[in-house]
Amino acid sequence: MASSPSLVYGTAWKDVRTADLVLLAFVHGFRAVDTAAQPKHYREDLVGRGLQAAALQLDLRRHDYWVQTKFTPAAGQDLSGALPYNPDDPVAEQVCASFQSSLRNLFPDQDIPNVKRALAAYAESRGGKEKHRGPGLQPTYIDSYLLHSPLLTLEHTVQAWRVMELLVDAGFVREIGFSNVYSPEIFSALYGLARIKPSVLQNRWHSSTGHDVSLLSLLSPSLSPNTFPTYADGSTPRGIVYQPFWTLTGNPALLRSESVVKMCIKHDLTPAQVVYAYVHQGLGIAGLTGCVLTGTSDENHMREAVAATQLEPWSEEDISMVRQEVYGE
């Protein structure tokens, strides 16, 4: 799957059920999965087993599905438990070790190269010149690799990002992005320092953060046209895909709102489907690409999520009705 998907199955807090739920989600139409190298909240190893089972049962090749995982800084880890890296190591080594662990977890029974050694060899082959994307993807790769949150200092955050950029250069990763960045100022600063710009922003979608209203325009090439480079053929770039999580559990009042109920009746949808469709259609933000991220364990809800991302686009009036409920505008 070369392009970023519109629907992703989230695997946080699934524990021993993780593999079975990943398989079930794929059986019901999902083709993308989100996880993290964060043992206290994710079983990345069981995500790999679930993908392995889904590929076998559904006859999928690697290019048929999309995998996203994350480097989680020490501040987001349970330091008393098992970790995918040594937190006393330099940041660059932490990222390499975490990524190595993720490849082993997500692609069990496959030959996994020594990532640190491969990156060093690739950098040496460039002869000190500015790095750029190599000739193609590695045999084992991650589609999307996110920085789970900024590190404690800007310097360390940039160090982590530089390794992530090198993973793209060397063909281990298709695209990189951020998670849990809620300040427009911090986001803009990180974006400005990035050589390879983020392709994804994954944030909690909740009233406590204003539903990211101050950030969304920064993700759209239509609203921030000078931020995104124009492709050689003159086409408008995609911008940054917005992956909100907690869209249902964090917004119970929205699901019960008059606007959502009206949309349910008008389009014969469930409240969850109305919210998913609204996110999928860009939250009413010009040029924004929205991605539905759901970790439901209910089969009916899985089917509903798939159907919500396959709806015909709503009218501007319909989008505005839900948008006004969320943002008051």
C-alpha atoms as a PDB file:
ATOM      1  CA  MET A   1       0.000   0.000   0.000  1.00  0.00           C
ATOM      2  CA  ALA A   2       1.977   2.979  -1.300  1.00  0.00           C
ATOM      3  CA  SER A   3      -0.279   5.816  -0.148  1.00  0.00           C
ATOM      4  CA  SER A   4      -1.396   6.682   3.359  1.00  0.00           C
ATOM      5  CA  PRO A   5      -4.667   4.883   4.194  1.00  0.00           C
ATOM      6  CA  SER A   6      -7.947   6.508   5.150  1.00  0.00           C
ATOM      7  CA  LEU A   7      -8.671   3.923   7.857  1.00  0.00           C
ATOM      8  CA  VAL A   8      -6.252   2.495  10.439  1.00  0.00           C
ATOM      9  CA  TYR A   9      -6.778  -0.085  13.172  1.00  0.00           C
ATOM     10  CA  GLY A  10      -5.353   1.050  16.517  1.00  0.00           C
ATOM     11  CA  THR A  11      -3.864  -1.576  18.816  1.00  0.00           C
ATOM     12  CA  ALA A  12      -3.341   0.231  22.133  1.00  0.00           C
ATOM     13  CA  TRP A  13      -4.494  -1.579  25.294  1.00  0.00           C
ATOM     14  CA  LYS A  14      -5.419  -4.834  23.532  1.00  0.00           C
ATOM     15  CA  ASP A  15      -2.909  -6.912  25.527  1.00  0.00           C
ATOM     16  CA  VAL A  16      -3.170 -10.670  24.845  1.00  0.00           C
ATOM     17  CA  ARG A  17      -6.116 -10.157  22.446  1.00  0.00           C
ATOM     18  CA  THR A  18      -4.002  -8.062  20.091  1.00  0.00           C
ATOM     19  CA  ALA A  19      -3.215 -10.694  17.448  1.00  0.00           C
ATOM     20  CA  ASP A  20      -6.794 -11.969  17.260  1.00  0.00           C
ATOM     21  CA  LEU A  21      -8.218  -8.441  16.982  1.00  0.00           C
ATOM     22  CA  VAL A  22      -5.767  -7.418  14.251  1.00  0.00           C
ATOM     23  CA  LEU A  23      -6.780 -10.489  12.265  1.00  0.00           C
ATOM     24  CA  LEU A  24     -10.483  -9.766  12.875  1.00  0.00           C
ATOM     25  CA  ALA A  25     -10.096  -6.153  11.745  1.00  0.00           C
ATOM     26  CA  PHE A  26      -8.399  -7.276   8.539  1.00  0.00           C
ATOM     27  CA  VAL A  27     -11.105  -9.860   7.890  1.00  0.00           C
ATOM     28  CA  HIS A  28     -13.654  -7.030   8.063  1.00  0.00           C
ATOM     29  CA  GLY A  29     -11.787  -4.820   5.607  1.00  0.00           C
ATOM     30  CA  PHE A  30      -9.015  -2.951   7.405  1.00  0.00           C
ATOM     31  CA  ARG A  31      -5.667  -2.906   5.639  1.00  0.00           C
ATOM     32  CA  ALA A  32      -3.655  -0.681   7.974  1.00  0.00           C
ATOM     33  CA  VAL A  33      -2.521  -0.971  11.579  1.00  0.00           C
ATOM     34  CA  ASP A  34      -1.059   1.412  14.182  1.00  0.00           C
ATOM     35  CA  THR A  35       1.126   0.365  17.094  1.00  0.00           C
ATOM     36  CA  ALA A  36       4.158   1.578  19.072  1.00  0.00           C
ATOM     37  CA  ALA A  37       7.333   0.294  20.704  1.00  0.00           C
ATOM     38  CA  GLN A  38       5.792   1.075  24.078  1.00  0.00           C
ATOM     39  CA  PRO A  39       5.260  -2.178  26.027  1.00  0.00           C
ATOM     40  CA  LYS A  40       3.110  -0.618  28.740  1.00  0.00           C
ATOM     41  CA  HIS A  41       0.336   0.181  26.227  1.00  0.00           C
ATOM     42  CA  TYR A  42       1.019  -1.966  23.135  1.00  0.00           C
ATOM     43  CA  ARG A  43       1.857  -5.576  22.320  1.00  0.00           C
ATOM     44  CA  GLU A  44       3.838  -4.826  19.178  1.00  0.00           C
ATOM     45  CA  ASP A  45       4.939  -8.468  18.974  1.00  0.00           C
ATOM     46  CA  LEU A  46       1.311  -9.642  18.835  1.00  0.00           C
ATOM     47  CA  VAL A  47       0.520  -7.050  16.168  1.00  0.00           C
ATOM     48  CA  GLY A  48       3.178  -8.805  14.103  1.00  0.00           C
ATOM     49  CA  ARG A  49       1.565 -12.177  14.724  1.00  0.00           C
ATOM     50  CA  GLY A  50      -1.839 -10.775  13.799  1.00  0.00           C
ATOM     51  CA  LEU A  51      -0.471  -9.371  10.540  1.00  0.00           C
ATOM     52  CA  GLN A  52       1.194 -12.675   9.805  1.00  0.00           C
ATOM     53  CA  ALA A  53      -2.099 -14.525  10.328  1.00  0.00           C
ATOM     54  CA  ALA A  54      -4.043 -11.999   8.236  1.00  0.00           C
ATOM     55  CA  ALA A  55      -1.562 -12.239   5.372  1.00  0.00           C
ATOM     56  CA  LEU A  56      -1.840 -16.020   5.385  1.00  0.00           C
ATOM     57  CA  GLN A  57      -5.633 -16.197   5.714  1.00  0.00           C
ATOM     58  CA  LEU A  58      -6.409 -13.390   3.229  1.00  0.00           C
ATOM     59  CA  ASP A  59      -3.530 -14.077   0.828  1.00  0.00           C
ATOM     60  CA  LEU A  60      -2.003 -10.629   1.318  1.00  0.00           C
ATOM     61  CA  ARG A  61       1.425  -9.561   0.143  1.00  0.00           C
ATOM     62  CA  ARG A  62       3.460  -6.955   2.023  1.00  0.00           C
ATOM     63  CA  HIS A  63       2.414  -4.182  -0.373  1.00  0.00           C
ATOM     64  CA  ASP A  64      -1.252  -4.962   0.331  1.00  0.00           C
ATOM     65  CA  TYR A  65      -1.185  -3.585   3.893  1.00  0.00           C
ATOM     66  CA  TRP A  66       0.232  -0.586   5.770  1.00  0.00           C
ATOM     67  CA  VAL A  67       2.098  -0.623   9.082  1.00  0.00           C
ATOM     68  CA  GLN A  68       2.715   2.307  11.413  1.00  0.00           C
ATOM     69  CA  THR A  69       4.705   2.195  14.629  1.00  0.00           C
ATOM     70  CA  LYS A  70       6.471   4.716  16.854  1.00  0.00           C
ATOM     71  CA  PHE A  71       9.625   5.558  18.742  1.00  0.00           C
ATOM     72  CA  THR A  72       8.476   6.271  22.294  1.00  0.00           C
ATOM     73  CA  PRO A  73      10.884   8.414  24.359  1.00  0.00           C
ATOM     74  CA  ALA A  74      11.828   7.333  27.874  1.00  0.00           C
ATOM     75  CA  ALA A  75       9.317   9.782  29.388  1.00  0.00           C
ATOM     76  CA  GLY A  76       6.520   7.721  27.825  1.00  0.00           C
ATOM     77  CA  GLN A  77       7.866   4.344  28.917  1.00  0.00           C
ATOM     78  CA  ASP A  78       7.463   2.279  32.063  1.00  0.00           C
ATOM     79  CA  LEU A  79      11.118   2.306  33.107  1.00  0.00           C
ATOM     80  CA  SER A  80      10.549  -0.532  35.578  1.00  0.00           C
ATOM     81  CA  GLY A  81       9.550  -2.909  32.786  1.00  0.00           C
ATOM     82  CA  ALA A  82      11.061  -4.239  29.580  1.00  0.00           C
ATOM     83  CA  LEU A  83      12.145  -1.550  27.115  1.00  0.00           C
ATOM     84  CA  PRO A  84      13.065  -1.702  23.416  1.00  0.00           C
ATOM     85  CA  TYR A  85      16.295   0.226  24.092  1.00  0.00           C
ATOM     86  CA  ASN A  86      18.643   1.296  26.866  1.00  0.00           C
ATOM     87  CA  PRO A  87      17.403   4.697  28.149  1.00  0.00           C
ATOM     88  CA  ASP A  88      20.960   5.568  29.208  1.00  0.00           C
ATOM     89  CA  ASP A  89      22.202   5.382  25.607  1.00  0.00           C
ATOM     90  CA  PRO A  90      22.443   8.466  23.381  1.00  0.00           C
ATOM     91  CA  VAL A  91      19.147   9.358  21.682  1.00  0.00           C
ATOM     92  CA  ALA A  92      20.327   8.252  18.240  1.00  0.00           C
ATOM     93  CA  GLU A  93      21.168   4.795  19.544  1.00  0.00           C
ATOM     94  CA  GLN A  94      17.819   4.580  21.333  1.00  0.00           C
ATOM     95  CA  VAL A  95      15.977   5.223  18.057  1.00  0.00           C
ATOM     96  CA  CYS A  96      18.050   2.632  16.191  1.00  0.00           C
ATOM     97  CA  ALA A  97      17.517   0.001  18.877  1.00  0.00           C
ATOM     98  CA  SER A  98      13.782   0.740  19.117  1.00  0.00           C
ATOM     99  CA  PHE A  99      13.370   0.516  15.348  1.00  0.00           C
ATOM    100  CA  GLN A 100      15.338  -2.742  15.283  1.00  0.00           C
ATOM    101  CA  SER A 101      13.004  -4.133  17.957  1.00  0.00           C
ATOM    102  CA  SER A 102       9.950  -3.005  15.994  1.00  0.00           C
ATOM    103  CA  LEU A 103      11.097  -4.790  12.847  1.00  0.00           C
ATOM    104  CA  ARG A 104      11.627  -8.002  14.818  1.00  0.00           C
ATOM    105  CA  ASN A 105       8.214  -7.692  16.468  1.00  0.00           C
ATOM    106  CA  LEU A 106       6.238  -6.778  13.381  1.00  0.00           C
ATOM    107  CA  PHE A 107       7.842  -9.192  10.946  1.00  0.00           C
ATOM    108  CA  PRO A 108       8.360 -12.421  12.908  1.00  0.00           C
ATOM    109  CA  ASP A 109      10.257 -15.268  11.281  1.00  0.00           C
ATOM    110  CA  GLN A 110      11.892 -12.900   8.781  1.00  0.00           C
ATOM    111  CA  ASP A 111      15.560 -12.050   8.462  1.00  0.00           C
ATOM    112  CA  ILE A 112      16.035  -8.611  10.012  1.00  0.00           C
ATOM    113  CA  PRO A 113      19.198  -6.662   9.163  1.00  0.00           C
ATOM    114  CA  ASN A 114      21.301  -4.838  11.725  1.00  0.00           C
ATOM    115  CA  VAL A 115      19.724  -1.398  11.385  1.00  0.00           C
ATOM    116  CA  LYS A 116      22.478   0.581  13.094  1.00  0.00           C
ATOM    117  CA  ARG A 117      25.132  -1.012  10.906  1.00  0.00           C
ATOM    118  CA  ALA A 118      23.029  -0.528   7.761  1.00  0.00           C
ATOM    119  CA  LEU A 119      22.486   3.160   8.506  1.00  0.00           C
ATOM    120  CA  ALA A 120      26.197   3.672   9.154  1.00  0.00           C
ATOM    121  CA  ALA A 121      27.059   1.965   5.864  1.00  0.00           C
ATOM    122  CA  TYR A 122      24.507   4.042   3.990  1.00  0.00           C
ATOM    123  CA  ALA A 123      25.821   7.284   5.500  1.00  0.00           C
ATOM    124  CA  GLU A 124      29.380   6.290   4.608  1.00  0.00           C
ATOM    125  CA  SER A 125      28.344   5.533   1.030  1.00  0.00           C
ATOM    126  CA  ARG A 126      27.120   9.109   0.716  1.00  0.00           C
ATOM    127  CA  GLY A 127      30.674  10.292   1.374  1.00  0.00           C
ATOM    128  CA  GLY A 128      29.611  13.043   3.751  1.00  0.00           C
ATOM    129  CA  LYS A 129      27.229  14.574   1.221  1.00  0.00           C
ATOM    130  CA  GLU A 130      23.698  15.507   2.203  1.00  0.00           C
ATOM    131  CA  LYS A 131      21.695  12.350   2.439  1.00  0.00           C
ATOM    132  CA  HIS A 132      18.764  11.649   0.197  1.00  0.00           C
ATOM    133  CA  ARG A 133      16.380   8.807  -0.461  1.00  0.00           C
ATOM    134  CA  GLY A 134      18.138   5.689  -1.706  1.00  0.00           C
ATOM    135  CA  PRO A 135      17.158   3.614  -4.730  1.00  0.00           C
ATOM    136  CA  GLY A 136      14.243   1.805  -3.092  1.00  0.00           C
ATOM    137  CA  LEU A 137      12.725   0.142  -0.053  1.00  0.00           C
ATOM    138  CA  GLN A 138      14.470  -2.470   2.024  1.00  0.00           C
ATOM    139  CA  PRO A 139      12.982  -5.998   1.910  1.00  0.00           C
ATOM    140  CA  THR A 140      11.616  -5.368   5.430  1.00  0.00           C
ATOM    141  CA  TYR A 141      10.257  -1.880   6.022  1.00  0.00           C
ATOM    142  CA  ILE A 142       7.771   0.238   7.970  1.00  0.00           C
ATOM    143  CA  ASP A 143       5.287   2.397   6.067  1.00  0.00           C
ATOM    144  CA  SER A 144       5.005   5.137   8.683  1.00  0.00           C
ATOM    145  CA  TYR A 145       7.259   5.789  11.680  1.00  0.00           C
ATOM    146  CA  LEU A 146       6.169   8.362  14.247  1.00  0.00           C
ATOM    147  CA  LEU A 147       7.916  10.219  17.036  1.00  0.00           C
ATOM    148  CA  HIS A 148       5.470   9.341  19.815  1.00  0.00           C
ATOM    149  CA  SER A 149       6.007  12.726  21.477  1.00  0.00           C
ATOM    150  CA  PRO A 150       8.703  15.400  21.593  1.00  0.00           C
ATOM    151  CA  LEU A 151      11.624  14.588  23.875  1.00  0.00           C
ATOM    152  CA  LEU A 152      12.485  16.651  26.941  1.00  0.00           C
ATOM    153  CA  THR A 153      14.694  19.058  24.972  1.00  0.00           C
ATOM    154  CA  LEU A 154      14.568  20.418  21.451  1.00  0.00           C
ATOM    155  CA  GLU A 155      18.129  19.184  20.877  1.00  0.00           C
ATOM    156  CA  HIS A 156      17.203  15.590  21.730  1.00  0.00           C
ATOM    157  CA  THR A 157      14.002  15.804  19.704  1.00  0.00           C
ATOM    158  CA  VAL A 158      15.960  16.893  16.631  1.00  0.00           C
ATOM    159  CA  GLN A 159      18.524  14.125  17.220  1.00  0.00           C
ATOM    160  CA  ALA A 160      15.732  11.546  17.168  1.00  0.00           C
ATOM    161  CA  TRP A 161      14.224  13.094  14.032  1.00  0.00           C
ATOM    162  CA  ARG A 162      17.586  12.999  12.207  1.00  0.00           C
ATOM    163  CA  VAL A 163      17.777   9.231  12.705  1.00  0.00           C
ATOM    164  CA  MET A 164      14.205   8.885  11.492  1.00  0.00           C
ATOM    165  CA  GLU A 165      15.129  10.889   8.391  1.00  0.00           C
ATOM    166  CA  LEU A 166      18.052   8.553   7.784  1.00  0.00           C
ATOM    167  CA  LEU A 167      15.688   5.566   8.056  1.00  0.00           C
ATOM    168  CA  VAL A 168      13.725   7.103   5.180  1.00  0.00           C
ATOM    169  CA  ASP A 169      16.913   7.793   3.218  1.00  0.00           C
ATOM    170  CA  ALA A 170      18.059   4.198   3.591  1.00  0.00           C
ATOM    171  CA  GLY A 171      14.687   2.713   2.588  1.00  0.00           C
ATOM    172  CA  PHE A 172      13.643   1.301   5.954  1.00  0.00           C
ATOM    173  CA  VAL A 173      10.666   3.703   6.235  1.00  0.00           C
ATOM    174  CA  ARG A 174       8.324   5.272   3.687  1.00  0.00           C
ATOM    175  CA  GLU A 175       7.303   8.325   5.713  1.00  0.00           C
ATOM    176  CA  ILE A 176       7.756   9.832   9.171  1.00  0.00           C
ATOM    177  CA  GLY A 177       5.596  11.958  11.408  1.00  0.00           C
ATOM    178  CA  PHE A 178       4.723  13.271  14.845  1.00  0.00           C
ATOM    179  CA  SER A 179       2.311  12.230  17.554  1.00  0.00           C
ATOM    180  CA  ASN A 180       1.083  14.160  20.590  1.00  0.00           C
ATOM    181  CA  VAL A 181       2.199  17.601  19.453  1.00  0.00           C
ATOM    182  CA  TYR A 182      -0.541  20.059  20.461  1.00  0.00           C
ATOM    183  CA  SER A 183       1.172  23.449  20.351  1.00  0.00           C
ATOM    184  CA  PRO A 184       1.207  25.238  16.967  1.00  0.00           C
ATOM    185  CA  GLU A 185       4.444  26.934  17.997  1.00  0.00           C
ATOM    186  CA  ILE A 186       6.185  23.653  18.829  1.00  0.00           C
ATOM    187  CA  PHE A 187       4.820  21.992  15.720  1.00  0.00           C
ATOM    188  CA  SER A 188       6.000  24.865  13.506  1.00  0.00           C
ATOM    189  CA  ALA A 189       9.445  24.847  15.120  1.00  0.00           C
ATOM    190  CA  LEU A 190       9.860  21.103  14.574  1.00  0.00           C
ATOM    191  CA  TYR A 191       8.528  21.340  11.044  1.00  0.00           C
ATOM    192  CA  GLY A 192      10.970  24.108  10.230  1.00  0.00           C
ATOM    193  CA  LEU A 193      13.945  22.109  11.514  1.00  0.00           C
ATOM    194  CA  ALA A 194      12.988  18.930   9.639  1.00  0.00           C
ATOM    195  CA  ARG A 195      14.894  18.081   6.465  1.00  0.00           C
ATOM    196  CA  ILE A 196      12.299  15.436   5.630  1.00  0.00           C
ATOM    197  CA  LYS A 197       8.957  16.978   6.538  1.00  0.00           C
ATOM    198  CA  PRO A 198       6.402  15.021   8.582  1.00  0.00           C
ATOM    199  CA  SER A 199       3.681  13.269   6.618  1.00  0.00           C
ATOM    200  CA  VAL A 200       1.464  12.433   9.609  1.00  0.00           C
ATOM    201  CA  LEU A 201       0.255  14.081  12.809  1.00  0.00           C
ATOM    202  CA  GLN A 202      -1.506  11.770  15.267  1.00  0.00           C
ATOM    203  CA  ASN A 203      -3.173  13.609  18.164  1.00  0.00           C
ATOM    204  CA  ARG A 204      -5.856  13.039  20.759  1.00  0.00           C
ATOM    205  CA  TRP A 205      -9.047  14.711  19.463  1.00  0.00           C
ATOM    206  CA  HIS A 206     -10.696  16.222  22.495  1.00  0.00           C
ATOM    207  CA  SER A 207     -12.142  19.426  23.892  1.00  0.00           C
ATOM    208  CA  SER A 208      -9.192  19.808  26.283  1.00  0.00           C
ATOM    209  CA  THR A 209      -7.001  20.629  23.287  1.00  0.00           C
ATOM    210  CA  GLY A 210      -9.675  22.566  21.410  1.00  0.00           C
ATOM    211  CA  HIS A 211      -9.944  19.632  19.002  1.00  0.00           C
ATOM    212  CA  ASP A 212      -6.642  20.892  17.534  1.00  0.00           C
ATOM    213  CA  VAL A 213      -8.378  23.867  15.927  1.00  0.00           C
ATOM    214  CA  SER A 214      -5.203  25.970  16.057  1.00  0.00           C
ATOM    215  CA  LEU A 215      -3.136  23.247  14.402  1.00  0.00           C
ATOM    216  CA  LEU A 216      -5.321  22.021  11.555  1.00  0.00           C
ATOM    217  CA  SER A 217      -4.643  24.872   9.152  1.00  0.00           C
ATOM    218  CA  LEU A 218      -0.903  24.128   9.422  1.00  0.00           C
ATOM    219  CA  LEU A 219      -1.531  20.652   8.006  1.00  0.00           C
ATOM    220  CA  SER A 220      -3.332  21.805   4.873  1.00  0.00           C
ATOM    221  CA  PRO A 221      -1.490  22.888   1.711  1.00  0.00           C
ATOM    222  CA  SER A 222      -4.578  24.913   0.790  1.00  0.00           C
ATOM    223  CA  LEU A 223      -4.408  27.008   3.967  1.00  0.00           C
ATOM    224  CA  SER A 224      -0.607  27.041   4.367  1.00  0.00           C
ATOM    225  CA  PRO A 225       0.474  27.102   0.700  1.00  0.00           C
ATOM    226  CA  ASN A 226       3.971  28.432   1.341  1.00  0.00           C
ATOM    227  CA  THR A 227       4.817  25.669   3.785  1.00  0.00           C
ATOM    228  CA  PHE A 228       4.535  22.715   1.406  1.00  0.00           C
ATOM    229  CA  PRO A 229       6.751  22.302  -1.651  1.00  0.00           C
ATOM    230  CA  THR A 230       5.059  21.990  -5.018  1.00  0.00           C
ATOM    231  CA  TYR A 231       5.705  18.775  -6.904  1.00  0.00           C
ATOM    232  CA  ALA A 232       7.728  18.875 -10.112  1.00  0.00           C
ATOM    233  CA  ASP A 233       4.583  18.401 -12.186  1.00  0.00           C
ATOM    234  CA  GLY A 234       3.004  21.427 -10.503  1.00  0.00           C
ATOM    235  CA  SER A 235       0.451  19.412  -8.536  1.00  0.00           C
ATOM    236  CA  THR A 236      -0.535  20.430  -5.014  1.00  0.00           C
ATOM    237  CA  PRO A 237       1.086  18.293  -2.312  1.00  0.00           C
ATOM    238  CA  ARG A 238      -1.040  16.185   0.004  1.00  0.00           C
ATOM    239  CA  GLY A 239       0.004  18.074   3.104  1.00  0.00           C
ATOM    240  CA  ILE A 240       0.103  16.321   6.467  1.00  0.00           C
ATOM    241  CA  VAL A 241      -2.392  13.555   7.181  1.00  0.00           C
ATOM    242  CA  TYR A 242      -4.305  14.163  10.396  1.00  0.00           C
ATOM    243  CA  GLN A 243      -4.902  11.022  12.480  1.00  0.00           C
ATOM    244  CA  PRO A 244      -7.114  11.913  15.439  1.00  0.00           C
ATOM    245  CA  PHE A 245      -7.544   9.291  18.131  1.00  0.00           C
ATOM    246  CA  TRP A 246     -10.076   9.139  20.958  1.00  0.00           C
ATOM    247  CA  THR A 247     -12.651  10.390  18.469  1.00  0.00           C
ATOM    248  CA  LEU A 248     -15.508   8.453  20.080  1.00  0.00           C
ATOM    249  CA  THR A 249     -14.547   7.788  23.700  1.00  0.00           C
ATOM    250  CA  GLY A 250     -13.328  11.360  24.156  1.00  0.00           C
ATOM    251  CA  ASN A 251     -16.439  12.974  22.653  1.00  0.00           C
ATOM    252  CA  PRO A 252     -19.609  11.411  24.116  1.00  0.00           C
ATOM    253  CA  ALA A 253     -21.479  14.736  23.997  1.00  0.00           C
ATOM    254  CA  LEU A 254     -20.788  15.041  20.269  1.00  0.00           C
ATOM    255  CA  LEU A 255     -22.208  11.575  19.624  1.00  0.00           C
ATOM    256  CA  ARG A 256     -25.439  12.607  21.390  1.00  0.00           C
ATOM    257  CA  SER A 257     -25.636  16.068  19.832  1.00  0.00           C
ATOM    258  CA  GLU A 258     -28.584  17.287  17.757  1.00  0.00           C
ATOM    259  CA  SER A 259     -26.394  17.788  14.680  1.00  0.00           C
ATOM    260  CA  VAL A 260     -25.080  14.230  14.748  1.00  0.00           C
ATOM    261  CA  VAL A 261     -28.568  12.818  15.349  1.00  0.00           C
ATOM    262  CA  LYS A 262     -29.871  14.753  12.322  1.00  0.00           C
ATOM    263  CA  MET A 263     -27.065  13.356  10.191  1.00  0.00           C
ATOM    264  CA  CYS A 264     -27.831   9.843  11.426  1.00  0.00           C
ATOM    265  CA  ILE A 265     -31.422  10.182  10.294  1.00  0.00           C
ATOM    266  CA  LYS A 266     -30.574  11.859   6.985  1.00  0.00           C
ATOM    267  CA  HIS A 267     -27.918   9.337   5.917  1.00  0.00           C
ATOM    268  CA  ASP A 268     -29.059   6.222   7.826  1.00  0.00           C
ATOM    269  CA  LEU A 269     -25.858   6.064   9.843  1.00  0.00           C
ATOM    270  CA  THR A 270     -24.895   5.389  13.442  1.00  0.00           C
ATOM    271  CA  PRO A 271     -23.492   8.278  15.520  1.00  0.00           C
ATOM    272  CA  ALA A 272     -20.038   6.700  15.326  1.00  0.00           C
ATOM    273  CA  GLN A 273     -20.262   6.549  11.542  1.00  0.00           C
ATOM    274  CA  VAL A 274     -21.214  10.225  11.354  1.00  0.00           C
ATOM    275  CA  VAL A 275     -18.110  11.199  13.332  1.00  0.00           C
ATOM    276  CA  TYR A 276     -15.882   8.855  11.341  1.00  0.00           C
ATOM    277  CA  ALA A 277     -17.233  10.171   8.044  1.00  0.00           C
ATOM    278  CA  TYR A 278     -16.664  13.738   9.218  1.00  0.00           C
ATOM    279  CA  VAL A 279     -13.027  12.963  10.054  1.00  0.00           C
ATOM    280  CA  HIS A 280     -12.549  11.046   6.813  1.00  0.00           C
ATOM    281  CA  GLN A 281     -13.829  14.020   4.834  1.00  0.00           C
ATOM    282  CA  GLY A 282     -11.287  16.389   6.342  1.00  0.00           C
ATOM    283  CA  LEU A 283     -13.249  17.895   9.263  1.00  0.00           C
ATOM    284  CA  GLY A 284     -14.472  20.669   6.990  1.00  0.00           C
ATOM    285  CA  ILE A 285     -10.921  22.073   6.649  1.00  0.00           C
ATOM    286  CA  ALA A 286     -10.021  23.002   3.078  1.00  0.00           C
ATOM    287  CA  GLY A 287      -7.292  20.726   1.749  1.00  0.00           C
ATOM    288  CA  LEU A 288      -6.971  18.655   4.940  1.00  0.00           C
ATOM    289  CA  THR A 289      -6.580  14.880   4.622  1.00  0.00           C
ATOM    290  CA  GLY A 290      -8.235  13.090   7.522  1.00  0.00           C
ATOM    291  CA  CYS A 291      -7.618   9.493   8.590  1.00  0.00           C
ATOM    292  CA  VAL A 292      -9.964   7.444  10.762  1.00  0.00           C
ATOM    293  CA  LEU A 293      -8.068   5.689  13.563  1.00  0.00           C
ATOM    294  CA  THR A 294     -10.153   3.265  15.596  1.00  0.00           C
ATOM    295  CA  GLY A 295      -9.294   0.475  17.988  1.00  0.00           C
ATOM    296  CA  THR A 296     -12.733  -1.015  18.441  1.00  0.00           C
ATOM    297  CA  SER A 297     -12.921  -4.652  19.473  1.00  0.00           C
ATOM    298  CA  ASP A 298     -16.542  -4.995  18.324  1.00  0.00           C
ATOM    299  CA  GLU A 299     -17.056  -6.663  14.931  1.00  0.00           C
ATOM    300  CA  ASN A 300     -20.115  -4.569  14.080  1.00  0.00           C
ATOM    301  CA  HIS A 301     -18.215  -1.378  14.840  1.00  0.00           C
ATOM    302  CA  MET A 302     -15.350  -2.568  12.634  1.00  0.00           C
ATOM    303  CA  ARG A 303     -17.742  -3.019   9.734  1.00  0.00           C
ATOM    304  CA  GLU A 304     -19.338   0.362  10.430  1.00  0.00           C
ATOM    305  CA  ALA A 305     -15.953   2.102  10.390  1.00  0.00           C
ATOM    306  CA  VAL A 306     -15.058   0.546   7.042  1.00  0.00           C
ATOM    307  CA  ALA A 307     -18.427   1.594   5.591  1.00  0.00           C
ATOM    308  CA  ALA A 308     -18.065   5.163   6.923  1.00  0.00           C
ATOM    309  CA  THR A 309     -14.861   5.675   4.954  1.00  0.00           C
ATOM    310  CA  GLN A 310     -16.524   4.475   1.756  1.00  0.00           C
ATOM    311  CA  LEU A 311     -19.414   6.961   1.739  1.00  0.00           C
ATOM    312  CA  GLU A 312     -19.940   9.477  -1.019  1.00  0.00           C
ATOM    313  CA  PRO A 313     -18.714  12.960   0.007  1.00  0.00           C
ATOM    314  CA  TRP A 314     -21.224  14.992   1.962  1.00  0.00           C
ATOM    315  CA  SER A 315     -22.520  18.366   0.927  1.00  0.00           C
ATOM    316  CA  GLU A 316     -20.954  21.496   2.366  1.00  0.00           C
ATOM    317  CA  GLU A 317     -24.128  21.986   4.386  1.00  0.00           C
ATOM    318  CA  ASP A 318     -23.781  18.571   6.020  1.00  0.00           C
ATOM    319  CA  ILE A 319     -20.105  19.061   6.826  1.00  0.00           C
ATOM    320  CA  SER A 320     -20.814  22.505   8.254  1.00  0.00           C
ATOM    321  CA  MET A 321     -23.529  21.145  10.522  1.00  0.00           C
ATOM    322  CA  VAL A 322     -21.126  18.785  12.282  1.00  0.00           C
ATOM    323  CA  ARG A 323     -18.266  21.263  12.197  1.00  0.00           C
ATOM    324  CA  GLN A 324     -20.361  23.895  13.961  1.00  0.00           C
ATOM    325  CA  GLU A 325     -21.169  21.333  16.672  1.00  0.00           C
ATOM    326  CA  VAL A 326     -17.453  20.686  17.236  1.00  0.00           C
ATOM    327  CA  TYR A 327     -15.871  24.086  16.691  1.00  0.00           C
ATOM    328  CA  GLY A 328     -18.797  26.483  17.007  1.00  0.00           C
ATOM    329  CA  GLU A 329     -18.174  27.940  13.565  1.00  0.00           C
END
